[in-house]
N, C-alpha and C. Protein backbone atom coordinates (compact mmCIF):
# COMPACT_ATOMS: atom_id res chain seq x y z
N MET A 1 17.28 181.34 147.26
CA MET A 1 17.39 180.38 148.39
C MET A 1 18.95 180.13 148.34
N SER A 2 19.23 180.01 149.70
CA SER A 2 21.07 179.73 149.64
C SER A 2 21.01 178.28 150.06
N GLU A 3 21.93 177.78 149.33
CA GLU A 3 22.40 176.47 149.48
C GLU A 3 23.23 176.01 150.87
N LYS A 4 22.77 175.05 151.42
CA LYS A 4 23.48 174.66 152.85
C LYS A 4 24.53 174.14 152.58
N LEU A 5 25.83 174.42 153.47
CA LEU A 5 27.15 173.85 153.12
C LEU A 5 27.14 172.79 154.08
N PRO A 6 27.78 171.82 153.89
CA PRO A 6 27.93 170.60 154.81
C PRO A 6 28.99 171.13 156.02
N LEU A 7 28.57 170.59 157.29
CA LEU A 7 29.34 170.95 158.29
C LEU A 7 30.57 170.17 158.27
N PRO A 8 31.77 170.62 158.86
CA PRO A 8 32.93 169.85 158.84
C PRO A 8 32.58 168.69 159.80
N ASP A 9 33.37 167.91 159.36
CA ASP A 9 33.76 166.52 160.36
C ASP A 9 34.46 166.83 161.46
N PRO A 10 33.77 166.69 162.81
CA PRO A 10 34.29 166.94 163.96
C PRO A 10 35.94 166.12 164.18
N GLU A 11 35.97 165.03 163.64
CA GLU A 11 36.97 164.26 163.72
C GLU A 11 38.28 164.84 163.11
N ALA A 12 37.66 165.62 162.01
CA ALA A 12 38.84 165.97 161.13
C ALA A 12 39.42 167.45 161.68
N LEU A 13 38.67 167.89 162.65
CA LEU A 13 39.13 169.16 163.20
C LEU A 13 39.68 168.84 164.47
N GLY A 14 39.66 167.65 164.93
CA GLY A 14 40.34 167.02 166.36
C GLY A 14 39.36 167.57 167.42
N VAL A 15 38.05 167.71 167.40
CA VAL A 15 37.44 168.15 168.12
C VAL A 15 37.22 166.69 169.41
N SER A 16 37.15 165.54 168.85
CA SER A 16 36.80 164.54 169.89
C SER A 16 38.29 164.50 170.58
N SER A 17 39.17 164.41 169.97
CA SER A 17 40.63 164.48 170.39
C SER A 17 40.80 165.56 171.54
N ALA A 18 40.55 166.75 171.20
CA ALA A 18 40.44 167.92 172.24
C ALA A 18 39.57 167.55 173.51
N ALA A 19 38.35 167.06 173.11
CA ALA A 19 37.38 166.72 174.35
C ALA A 19 38.03 165.74 175.05
N ARG A 20 38.70 164.49 174.49
CA ARG A 20 39.34 163.56 175.30
C ARG A 20 40.69 164.29 176.20
N ASP A 21 41.13 165.20 175.70
CA ASP A 21 42.37 165.57 176.19
C ASP A 21 41.99 166.65 177.58
N MET A 22 40.90 167.22 177.03
CA MET A 22 40.19 168.16 178.34
C MET A 22 39.73 167.17 179.53
N ALA A 23 39.23 165.98 179.19
CA ALA A 23 38.74 165.16 180.06
C ALA A 23 39.57 164.47 181.19
N ASP A 24 41.01 164.69 180.77
CA ASP A 24 41.94 164.04 181.50
C ASP A 24 42.57 165.04 182.46
N VAL A 25 42.08 166.56 182.15
CA VAL A 25 42.72 167.46 183.01
C VAL A 25 41.66 167.77 184.24
N SER A 26 42.30 168.05 185.36
CA SER A 26 41.69 168.07 186.58
C SER A 26 40.96 169.68 186.32
N ALA A 27 39.65 170.10 187.27
CA ALA A 27 39.40 171.29 187.42
C ALA A 27 40.35 172.36 187.80
N VAL A 28 41.23 172.10 189.00
CA VAL A 28 42.15 172.69 189.70
C VAL A 28 43.10 173.09 188.55
N GLU A 29 43.61 172.21 187.78
CA GLU A 29 44.62 172.41 186.72
C GLU A 29 44.05 173.35 185.77
N LEU A 30 43.06 173.09 185.40
CA LEU A 30 42.28 173.95 183.86
C LEU A 30 42.23 175.36 184.57
N ILE A 31 41.68 175.54 185.90
CA ILE A 31 41.33 176.93 186.44
C ILE A 31 42.74 177.30 186.44
N THR A 32 43.89 176.98 187.17
CA THR A 32 45.16 177.41 187.40
C THR A 32 45.56 177.73 186.08
N THR A 33 45.65 176.99 184.90
CA THR A 33 46.35 177.38 183.82
C THR A 33 45.58 178.52 183.08
N VAL A 34 44.34 178.69 183.34
CA VAL A 34 43.79 180.00 182.87
C VAL A 34 44.05 181.15 183.50
N GLY A 35 44.11 180.85 184.70
CA GLY A 35 44.67 182.14 185.46
C GLY A 35 46.24 182.62 185.15
N VAL A 36 46.99 181.61 184.86
CA VAL A 36 48.24 181.83 184.51
C VAL A 36 48.40 182.37 183.03
N HIS A 37 47.44 182.25 182.10
CA HIS A 37 47.34 182.92 180.95
C HIS A 37 46.90 184.26 181.22
N LEU A 38 45.98 184.23 181.96
CA LEU A 38 45.30 185.57 181.90
C LEU A 38 46.44 186.69 182.85
N MET A 39 47.05 186.16 183.75
CA MET A 39 48.22 186.92 184.48
C MET A 39 49.65 187.09 183.53
N SER A 40 49.71 186.54 182.50
CA SER A 40 50.77 186.61 181.48
C SER A 40 50.40 187.64 180.66
N ALA A 41 48.99 187.65 180.19
CA ALA A 41 48.52 188.40 179.46
C ALA A 41 48.58 189.81 179.98
N ALA A 42 48.10 190.09 181.01
CA ALA A 42 48.02 191.14 182.00
C ALA A 42 49.40 191.84 182.14
N ALA A 43 50.57 191.01 182.50
CA ALA A 43 51.79 191.42 182.73
C ALA A 43 52.49 191.99 181.50
N LEU A 44 52.21 191.61 180.26
CA LEU A 44 52.36 191.74 178.88
C LEU A 44 51.95 193.14 178.80
N ARG A 45 50.58 193.47 179.16
CA ARG A 45 49.92 194.60 178.86
C ARG A 45 50.41 195.81 179.63
N CYS A 46 50.74 195.50 180.93
CA CYS A 46 51.29 196.59 181.89
C CYS A 46 52.81 196.96 181.57
N GLY A 47 53.27 196.38 180.39
CA GLY A 47 54.48 196.56 179.88
C GLY A 47 55.58 196.12 180.86
N LEU A 48 55.53 194.80 180.95
CA LEU A 48 56.42 194.07 181.79
C LEU A 48 57.35 193.13 181.09
N ALA A 49 56.91 192.93 179.75
CA ALA A 49 57.76 192.10 178.69
C ALA A 49 58.96 192.62 178.42
N GLU A 50 60.05 192.00 177.80
CA GLU A 50 61.50 192.49 177.33
C GLU A 50 61.20 193.63 176.51
N ASP A 51 60.31 193.78 175.59
CA ASP A 51 60.18 194.87 174.58
C ASP A 51 59.03 195.74 175.26
N GLY A 52 58.79 195.90 176.39
CA GLY A 52 57.62 196.42 177.40
C GLY A 52 56.80 197.38 176.64
N GLU A 53 57.11 198.58 176.47
CA GLU A 53 56.34 199.51 175.96
C GLU A 53 55.55 199.31 174.68
N GLU A 54 56.23 198.43 173.76
CA GLU A 54 55.77 198.05 172.67
C GLU A 54 54.32 197.30 172.54
N HIS A 55 54.25 196.47 173.88
CA HIS A 55 53.11 195.86 173.94
C HIS A 55 52.06 196.56 175.19
N GLN A 56 52.39 197.56 175.88
CA GLN A 56 51.83 198.18 176.74
C GLN A 56 50.32 198.86 176.70
N ASP A 57 49.44 198.29 177.05
CA ASP A 57 47.86 198.74 176.79
C ASP A 57 47.10 198.74 178.07
N LEU A 58 47.18 199.72 178.91
CA LEU A 58 46.83 199.56 180.39
C LEU A 58 45.09 199.44 180.31
N ASP A 59 44.45 199.85 179.29
CA ASP A 59 43.03 199.59 179.08
C ASP A 59 42.76 198.00 178.91
N GLU A 60 43.51 197.43 178.09
CA GLU A 60 43.54 195.86 178.10
C GLU A 60 43.97 195.30 179.20
N ALA A 61 45.14 195.69 179.87
CA ALA A 61 45.56 195.18 181.09
C ALA A 61 44.45 195.25 182.47
N ARG A 62 43.72 196.49 182.38
CA ARG A 62 42.83 196.47 183.18
C ARG A 62 41.66 195.29 183.03
N LYS A 63 41.25 195.04 181.86
CA LYS A 63 40.28 193.90 181.81
C LYS A 63 40.68 192.61 182.11
N LEU A 64 42.00 192.38 181.85
CA LEU A 64 42.57 191.25 182.09
C LEU A 64 42.83 190.90 183.50
N ILE A 65 43.25 192.01 184.38
CA ILE A 65 43.27 191.82 185.63
C ILE A 65 41.99 191.67 186.25
N GLU A 66 40.82 192.36 185.90
CA GLU A 66 39.53 192.06 186.62
C GLU A 66 39.31 190.66 186.34
N ALA A 67 39.36 190.19 185.12
CA ALA A 67 39.13 189.05 185.02
C ALA A 67 39.82 187.66 185.76
N LEU A 68 41.02 188.15 185.88
CA LEU A 68 41.75 187.25 186.72
C LEU A 68 41.27 187.53 188.25
N ALA A 69 41.13 188.42 188.58
CA ALA A 69 40.58 188.73 190.15
C ALA A 69 39.34 187.95 190.56
N GLY A 70 38.33 187.97 189.45
CA GLY A 70 37.21 187.64 189.68
C GLY A 70 37.24 185.97 189.70
N LEU A 71 37.98 185.45 188.80
CA LEU A 71 38.35 183.91 188.54
C LEU A 71 39.08 183.62 189.69
N ILE A 72 40.00 184.13 190.31
CA ILE A 72 40.51 183.62 191.65
C ILE A 72 39.60 183.73 192.97
N THR A 73 38.84 184.74 192.97
CA THR A 73 37.90 184.94 193.79
C THR A 73 36.92 183.99 193.85
N ALA A 74 36.36 183.62 192.83
CA ALA A 74 35.30 182.91 192.75
C ALA A 74 35.75 181.31 192.88
N SER A 75 37.12 180.99 192.43
CA SER A 75 37.47 179.71 192.69
C SER A 75 38.08 179.26 193.71
N ALA A 76 38.84 180.46 194.43
CA ALA A 76 39.55 179.90 195.62
C ALA A 76 39.43 178.76 196.45
N PRO A 77 38.07 179.00 197.05
CA PRO A 77 37.45 177.83 197.98
C PRO A 77 37.80 176.42 197.32
N ASP A 78 37.69 176.20 195.93
CA ASP A 78 38.12 174.91 195.38
C ASP A 78 39.55 174.68 194.90
N LEU A 79 40.12 175.81 194.83
CA LEU A 79 41.55 175.46 194.37
C LEU A 79 42.43 174.91 195.70
N GLY A 80 42.32 175.15 196.66
CA GLY A 80 43.17 175.21 197.68
C GLY A 80 44.02 175.99 198.19
N ASN A 81 44.51 175.90 199.14
CA ASN A 81 45.34 177.15 199.63
C ASN A 81 46.92 177.33 198.69
N THR A 82 47.25 176.15 198.59
CA THR A 82 48.49 176.17 197.85
C THR A 82 48.33 176.84 196.24
N HIS A 83 47.55 176.53 195.45
CA HIS A 83 47.25 177.06 194.18
C HIS A 83 46.61 178.55 194.31
N ALA A 84 45.74 178.64 195.20
CA ALA A 84 45.09 180.09 195.26
C ALA A 84 46.29 181.01 195.78
N ARG A 85 46.80 180.67 196.77
CA ARG A 85 47.97 181.77 197.29
C ARG A 85 48.94 182.03 196.21
N ALA A 86 49.37 181.07 195.26
CA ALA A 86 50.25 181.33 194.06
C ALA A 86 49.42 182.57 192.89
N LEU A 87 48.43 182.01 192.87
CA LEU A 87 47.67 183.13 191.80
C LEU A 87 47.51 184.43 192.62
N ARG A 88 47.13 184.17 193.94
CA ARG A 88 46.83 185.60 194.42
C ARG A 88 48.02 186.67 194.46
N ASP A 89 49.16 185.76 194.62
CA ASP A 89 50.41 186.44 194.69
C ASP A 89 50.59 187.16 193.16
N GLY A 90 50.64 186.45 192.35
CA GLY A 90 50.85 186.74 190.98
C GLY A 90 49.93 188.04 190.46
N LEU A 91 48.65 187.99 190.96
CA LEU A 91 47.42 189.04 190.84
C LEU A 91 48.00 190.28 191.46
N ARG A 92 48.58 190.25 192.80
CA ARG A 92 48.94 191.20 193.46
C ARG A 92 50.02 191.99 192.60
N SER A 93 51.31 191.27 191.96
CA SER A 93 52.09 191.61 191.32
C SER A 93 51.62 192.49 190.12
N VAL A 94 50.70 191.87 189.43
CA VAL A 94 50.35 192.64 188.01
C VAL A 94 49.48 193.76 188.64
N GLN A 95 48.59 193.56 189.47
CA GLN A 95 48.04 195.13 190.04
C GLN A 95 48.88 196.06 190.45
N LEU A 96 50.06 195.83 191.07
CA LEU A 96 50.91 196.86 191.33
C LEU A 96 51.83 197.49 190.38
N ALA A 97 52.04 196.17 189.21
CA ALA A 97 52.72 196.65 188.16
C ALA A 97 51.72 197.76 187.32
N PHE A 98 50.68 197.55 187.10
CA PHE A 98 49.26 198.37 186.58
C PHE A 98 49.36 199.73 187.36
N ARG A 99 49.37 199.66 188.71
CA ARG A 99 49.60 200.91 189.27
C ARG A 99 50.80 201.73 189.11
N GLU A 100 51.68 201.25 188.95
CA GLU A 100 53.36 201.67 188.42
C GLU A 100 53.34 202.32 187.11
N ALA A 101 52.49 201.89 186.37
CA ALA A 101 52.66 202.19 184.80
C ALA A 101 51.50 202.97 184.40
N SER A 102 50.51 203.38 185.31
CA SER A 102 49.52 204.28 185.06
C SER A 102 50.23 205.78 185.49
N ALA A 103 49.79 206.74 184.54
CA ALA A 103 50.11 207.84 184.83
C ALA A 103 49.31 208.65 185.68
N ILE A 104 48.14 208.38 185.67
CA ILE A 104 46.97 208.83 186.94
C ILE A 104 46.60 207.62 187.64
N PRO A 105 47.28 207.38 188.70
CA PRO A 105 47.11 206.00 189.58
C PRO A 105 45.41 206.26 189.85
N ASP A 106 44.91 205.01 189.84
CA ASP A 106 43.25 204.90 190.65
C ASP A 106 43.46 205.23 192.04
N ALA A 107 42.29 205.50 192.58
CA ALA A 107 42.28 205.65 194.06
C ALA A 107 42.28 204.36 194.85
N PRO A 108 43.03 204.19 196.02
CA PRO A 108 42.96 203.08 196.63
C PRO A 108 41.57 202.45 196.75
N GLY A 109 41.73 201.15 196.21
CA GLY A 109 40.34 200.27 196.26
C GLY A 109 39.75 200.58 194.77
N GLU A 110 40.04 201.19 193.72
CA GLU A 110 39.43 201.58 192.72
C GLU A 110 40.34 201.05 191.52
N GLY A 111 41.41 200.27 191.75
CA GLY A 111 42.24 199.66 190.79
C GLY A 111 41.74 198.57 190.20
N PRO A 112 42.29 197.95 189.21
CA PRO A 112 41.56 196.99 188.54
C PRO A 112 41.73 195.79 189.52
N GLY A 113 40.57 194.87 189.58
CA GLY A 113 40.44 193.86 190.39
C GLY A 113 40.37 194.15 192.01
N GLU A 114 40.30 195.61 192.32
CA GLU A 114 40.37 195.74 193.65
C GLU A 114 39.10 195.72 194.36
N LYS A 115 37.85 195.46 193.64
CA LYS A 115 36.83 195.44 194.00
C LYS A 115 36.42 193.89 194.64
N TYR A 116 37.34 192.84 194.02
CA TYR A 116 37.52 191.74 194.53
C TYR A 116 38.57 191.30 195.76
N THR A 117 39.67 192.02 195.60
CA THR A 117 41.04 191.90 196.39
C THR A 117 40.75 192.91 197.73
N GLY A 118 40.28 193.99 197.62
CA GLY A 118 40.75 195.11 198.33
C GLY A 118 41.61 195.96 197.80
N ALA A 119 42.04 196.90 198.50
CA ALA A 119 43.09 197.93 197.80
C ALA A 119 44.36 197.27 197.64
N VAL A 120 45.13 197.47 196.95
CA VAL A 120 46.60 196.86 196.84
C VAL A 120 47.40 198.02 196.89
N THR A 121 48.37 197.93 197.95
CA THR A 121 49.33 199.08 197.92
C THR A 121 51.06 198.37 198.02
């Protein structure tokens, strides 16, 4: 029989503090922040960082771009034109960077996120 370990105190882990902090952030701000993080990670994986090729991983970039495109498509009606447009512009940039970095480019409309955005050229 195994002995049950006590659960950590949520206060000690800062959980209630984190919940309070999250309560102060609007949904639009949270979605935009997540989008920027996905976009930054995708750019890094496309090789756009200062030491680009060291972090380039197009398989990872594809997944990140797909997630970003899905997030933007699903949330655009709630984000408003200004926020959605900025995220769409960034998405298009990483989609184009992915296409440039690919040795064998995807067919138009088959690249990462293009099932949500349409072909990027």
